[in-house]
Amino acid sequence: MNKKEWARESKKIVYEGCLEKFRQSSKLLALLLKTGNKRIAQVSPDKVWSTGTLEITEDWPGLNLQGSILERVRTKFIWIC
């Protein structure tokens, strides 16, 4: 997969992968559901998939795509359960 394809498909691929991960592990799903309606952030310097900073703050420079995807997965499982 080239960069252009990855940019177009990556969010869908990661979302589907996360769904499968939590379908296969009731322990991980329980941990995810315990987060309630809180924001989920992956704290790292990566500015696309994470917060873009190592500081824990509400005002981060990154897109935090991983955290957003985990929130979507959590919502999906709340509706299923």
N, C-alpha and C. Protein backbone atom coordinates (compact mmCIF):
# COMPACT_ATOMS: atom_id res chain seq x y z
N MET A 1 0.86 -1.18 0.00
CA MET A 1 0.00 0.00 0.00
C MET A 1 0.90 1.24 0.00
N ASN A 2 0.63 2.16 -0.89
CA ASN A 2 1.44 3.37 -0.94
C ASN A 2 0.89 4.43 0.03
N LYS A 3 1.61 5.53 0.17
CA LYS A 3 1.23 6.57 1.12
C LYS A 3 -0.16 7.15 0.84
N LYS A 4 -0.47 7.33 -0.42
CA LYS A 4 -1.76 7.90 -0.80
C LYS A 4 -2.90 6.96 -0.39
N GLU A 5 -2.72 5.68 -0.68
CA GLU A 5 -3.73 4.68 -0.31
C GLU A 5 -3.88 4.60 1.21
N TRP A 6 -2.74 4.60 1.91
CA TRP A 6 -2.78 4.53 3.37
C TRP A 6 -3.51 5.74 3.94
N ALA A 7 -3.22 6.90 3.43
CA ALA A 7 -3.89 8.11 3.92
C ALA A 7 -5.40 8.03 3.72
N ARG A 8 -5.81 7.42 2.61
CA ARG A 8 -7.24 7.30 2.30
C ARG A 8 -7.92 6.21 3.13
N GLU A 9 -7.22 5.12 3.39
CA GLU A 9 -7.85 3.94 4.00
C GLU A 9 -7.48 3.69 5.46
N SER A 10 -6.49 4.37 5.98
CA SER A 10 -5.93 4.02 7.29
C SER A 10 -6.94 4.08 8.43
N LYS A 11 -7.77 5.11 8.47
CA LYS A 11 -8.73 5.22 9.58
C LYS A 11 -9.70 4.05 9.57
N LYS A 12 -10.16 3.66 8.40
CA LYS A 12 -11.08 2.52 8.30
C LYS A 12 -10.39 1.22 8.72
N ILE A 13 -9.15 1.03 8.27
CA ILE A 13 -8.39 -0.17 8.61
C ILE A 13 -8.16 -0.26 10.11
N VAL A 14 -7.74 0.83 10.72
CA VAL A 14 -7.47 0.84 12.16
C VAL A 14 -8.77 0.65 12.94
N TYR A 15 -9.85 1.26 12.51
CA TYR A 15 -11.15 1.09 13.17
C TYR A 15 -11.57 -0.38 13.14
N GLU A 16 -11.52 -1.00 11.98
CA GLU A 16 -11.91 -2.41 11.86
C GLU A 16 -11.00 -3.30 12.71
N GLY A 17 -9.70 -3.00 12.72
CA GLY A 17 -8.77 -3.77 13.54
C GLY A 17 -9.07 -3.65 15.03
N CYS A 18 -9.41 -2.44 15.47
CA CYS A 18 -9.76 -2.23 16.87
C CYS A 18 -11.07 -2.95 17.23
N LEU A 19 -12.03 -2.92 16.34
CA LEU A 19 -13.27 -3.65 16.59
C LEU A 19 -12.97 -5.13 16.83
N GLU A 20 -12.17 -5.72 15.97
CA GLU A 20 -11.83 -7.13 16.11
C GLU A 20 -11.07 -7.40 17.40
N LYS A 21 -10.16 -6.52 17.74
CA LYS A 21 -9.37 -6.67 18.97
C LYS A 21 -10.29 -6.76 20.18
N PHE A 22 -11.25 -5.87 20.26
CA PHE A 22 -12.14 -5.85 21.43
C PHE A 22 -13.21 -6.94 21.35
N ARG A 23 -13.57 -7.39 20.17
CA ARG A 23 -14.47 -8.54 20.04
C ARG A 23 -13.82 -9.81 20.57
N GLN A 24 -12.52 -9.90 20.40
CA GLN A 24 -11.79 -11.10 20.77
C GLN A 24 -11.32 -11.13 22.22
N SER A 25 -11.41 -10.03 22.92
CA SER A 25 -10.92 -9.98 24.30
C SER A 25 -11.93 -9.29 25.21
N SER A 26 -12.63 -10.08 25.98
CA SER A 26 -13.61 -9.50 26.91
C SER A 26 -12.92 -8.67 27.99
N LYS A 27 -11.69 -9.04 28.35
CA LYS A 27 -10.95 -8.25 29.36
C LYS A 27 -10.63 -6.86 28.83
N LEU A 28 -10.14 -6.79 27.59
CA LEU A 28 -9.83 -5.48 27.00
C LEU A 28 -11.10 -4.66 26.78
N LEU A 29 -12.17 -5.32 26.36
CA LEU A 29 -13.44 -4.62 26.16
C LEU A 29 -13.94 -4.03 27.48
N ALA A 30 -13.82 -4.79 28.55
CA ALA A 30 -14.24 -4.29 29.86
C ALA A 30 -13.44 -3.04 30.24
N LEU A 31 -12.14 -3.06 29.98
CA LEU A 31 -11.31 -1.88 30.26
C LEU A 31 -11.73 -0.68 29.42
N LEU A 32 -12.02 -0.93 28.15
CA LEU A 32 -12.46 0.15 27.27
C LEU A 32 -13.78 0.74 27.76
N LEU A 33 -14.71 -0.12 28.11
CA LEU A 33 -16.03 0.36 28.55
C LEU A 33 -15.95 1.10 29.88
N LYS A 34 -14.96 0.77 30.71
CA LYS A 34 -14.78 1.47 31.99
C LYS A 34 -14.40 2.93 31.81
N THR A 35 -13.95 3.29 30.62
CA THR A 35 -13.59 4.69 30.38
C THR A 35 -14.83 5.58 30.31
N GLY A 36 -16.01 4.96 30.25
CA GLY A 36 -17.25 5.74 30.23
C GLY A 36 -17.31 6.64 29.02
N ASN A 37 -17.58 7.91 29.25
CA ASN A 37 -17.65 8.85 28.12
C ASN A 37 -16.45 9.80 28.11
N LYS A 38 -15.38 9.40 28.79
CA LYS A 38 -14.18 10.23 28.83
C LYS A 38 -13.47 10.23 27.49
N ARG A 39 -12.74 11.29 27.23
CA ARG A 39 -11.90 11.34 26.02
C ARG A 39 -10.76 10.36 26.19
N ILE A 40 -10.41 9.73 25.09
CA ILE A 40 -9.28 8.82 25.09
C ILE A 40 -8.18 9.46 24.25
N ALA A 41 -6.99 9.50 24.82
CA ALA A 41 -5.86 10.10 24.12
C ALA A 41 -4.67 9.16 24.15
N GLN A 42 -4.02 9.03 23.01
CA GLN A 42 -2.75 8.34 22.95
C GLN A 42 -1.68 9.41 23.07
N VAL A 43 -0.97 9.40 24.17
CA VAL A 43 0.01 10.45 24.44
C VAL A 43 1.37 10.03 23.88
N SER A 44 1.78 10.70 22.84
CA SER A 44 3.10 10.48 22.23
C SER A 44 3.38 11.65 21.30
N PRO A 45 4.62 11.78 20.84
CA PRO A 45 4.97 12.90 19.96
C PRO A 45 4.35 12.81 18.56
N ASP A 46 3.79 11.67 18.18
CA ASP A 46 3.20 11.53 16.86
C ASP A 46 2.02 12.49 16.73
N LYS A 47 2.04 13.32 15.69
CA LYS A 47 1.01 14.36 15.56
C LYS A 47 -0.19 13.93 14.73
N VAL A 48 -0.17 12.73 14.21
CA VAL A 48 -1.33 12.24 13.46
C VAL A 48 -2.13 11.27 14.32
N TRP A 49 -1.50 10.18 14.75
CA TRP A 49 -2.22 9.15 15.49
C TRP A 49 -2.32 9.44 16.97
N SER A 50 -1.51 10.37 17.46
CA SER A 50 -1.47 10.66 18.89
C SER A 50 -1.68 12.16 19.15
N THR A 51 -1.41 12.55 20.39
CA THR A 51 -1.65 13.93 20.80
C THR A 51 -0.58 14.90 20.31
N GLY A 52 0.56 14.38 19.90
CA GLY A 52 1.62 15.24 19.42
C GLY A 52 2.48 15.82 20.52
N THR A 53 2.27 15.35 21.74
CA THR A 53 3.03 15.84 22.88
C THR A 53 3.09 14.76 23.95
N LEU A 54 4.09 14.83 24.80
CA LEU A 54 4.18 13.90 25.93
C LEU A 54 3.50 14.46 27.17
N GLU A 55 3.02 15.68 27.08
CA GLU A 55 2.32 16.31 28.20
C GLU A 55 0.85 15.90 28.19
N ILE A 56 0.31 15.65 29.35
CA ILE A 56 -1.11 15.32 29.46
C ILE A 56 -1.87 16.62 29.63
N THR A 57 -2.57 16.99 28.58
CA THR A 57 -3.29 18.26 28.56
C THR A 57 -4.50 18.13 27.63
N GLU A 58 -5.46 18.98 27.80
CA GLU A 58 -6.63 18.98 26.91
C GLU A 58 -6.35 19.71 25.60
N ASP A 59 -5.30 20.48 25.58
CA ASP A 59 -4.99 21.32 24.43
C ASP A 59 -3.74 20.78 23.74
N TRP A 60 -3.93 19.74 22.92
CA TRP A 60 -2.76 19.14 22.27
C TRP A 60 -2.71 19.48 20.79
N PRO A 61 -1.50 19.48 20.23
CA PRO A 61 -1.33 19.86 18.82
C PRO A 61 -1.63 18.74 17.83
N GLY A 62 -1.66 17.49 18.28
CA GLY A 62 -1.86 16.37 17.37
C GLY A 62 -3.33 16.08 17.10
N LEU A 63 -3.57 15.25 16.09
CA LEU A 63 -4.93 14.87 15.71
C LEU A 63 -5.53 13.79 16.62
N ASN A 64 -4.68 12.99 17.25
CA ASN A 64 -5.13 11.93 18.16
C ASN A 64 -6.12 10.98 17.48
N LEU A 65 -5.81 10.56 16.26
CA LEU A 65 -6.71 9.66 15.53
C LEU A 65 -6.94 8.35 16.27
N GLN A 66 -5.90 7.81 16.91
CA GLN A 66 -6.06 6.55 17.64
C GLN A 66 -7.07 6.70 18.77
N GLY A 67 -6.96 7.78 19.52
CA GLY A 67 -7.91 8.01 20.60
C GLY A 67 -9.33 8.18 20.08
N SER A 68 -9.48 8.91 19.00
CA SER A 68 -10.82 9.11 18.41
C SER A 68 -11.41 7.80 17.92
N ILE A 69 -10.58 6.96 17.33
CA ILE A 69 -11.06 5.67 16.85
C ILE A 69 -11.47 4.79 18.02
N LEU A 70 -10.70 4.80 19.09
CA LEU A 70 -11.08 4.02 20.28
C LEU A 70 -12.40 4.51 20.86
N GLU A 71 -12.64 5.80 20.82
CA GLU A 71 -13.92 6.34 21.30
C GLU A 71 -15.07 5.85 20.42
N ARG A 72 -14.85 5.80 19.11
CA ARG A 72 -15.89 5.28 18.19
C ARG A 72 -16.16 3.81 18.45
N VAL A 73 -15.11 3.04 18.67
CA VAL A 73 -15.26 1.61 18.97
C VAL A 73 -16.02 1.43 20.27
N ARG A 74 -15.68 2.22 21.27
CA ARG A 74 -16.38 2.15 22.56
C ARG A 74 -17.87 2.43 22.37
N THR A 75 -18.19 3.45 21.61
CA THR A 75 -19.60 3.78 21.35
C THR A 75 -20.31 2.63 20.65
N LYS A 76 -19.66 2.02 19.69
CA LYS A 76 -20.24 0.88 18.98
C LYS A 76 -20.58 -0.24 19.96
N PHE A 77 -19.67 -0.57 20.86
CA PHE A 77 -19.92 -1.64 21.81
C PHE A 77 -20.98 -1.26 22.84
N ILE A 78 -21.06 0.00 23.20
CA ILE A 78 -22.13 0.43 24.12
C ILE A 78 -23.48 0.17 23.46
N TRP A 79 -23.60 0.48 22.17
CA TRP A 79 -24.86 0.25 21.46
C TRP A 79 -25.17 -1.22 21.32
N ILE A 80 -24.13 -2.04 21.13
CA ILE A 80 -24.32 -3.48 20.98
C ILE A 80 -24.74 -4.12 22.31
N CYS A 81 -24.09 -3.68 23.39
CA CYS A 81 -24.37 -4.26 24.72
C CYS A 81 -25.71 -3.73 25.19
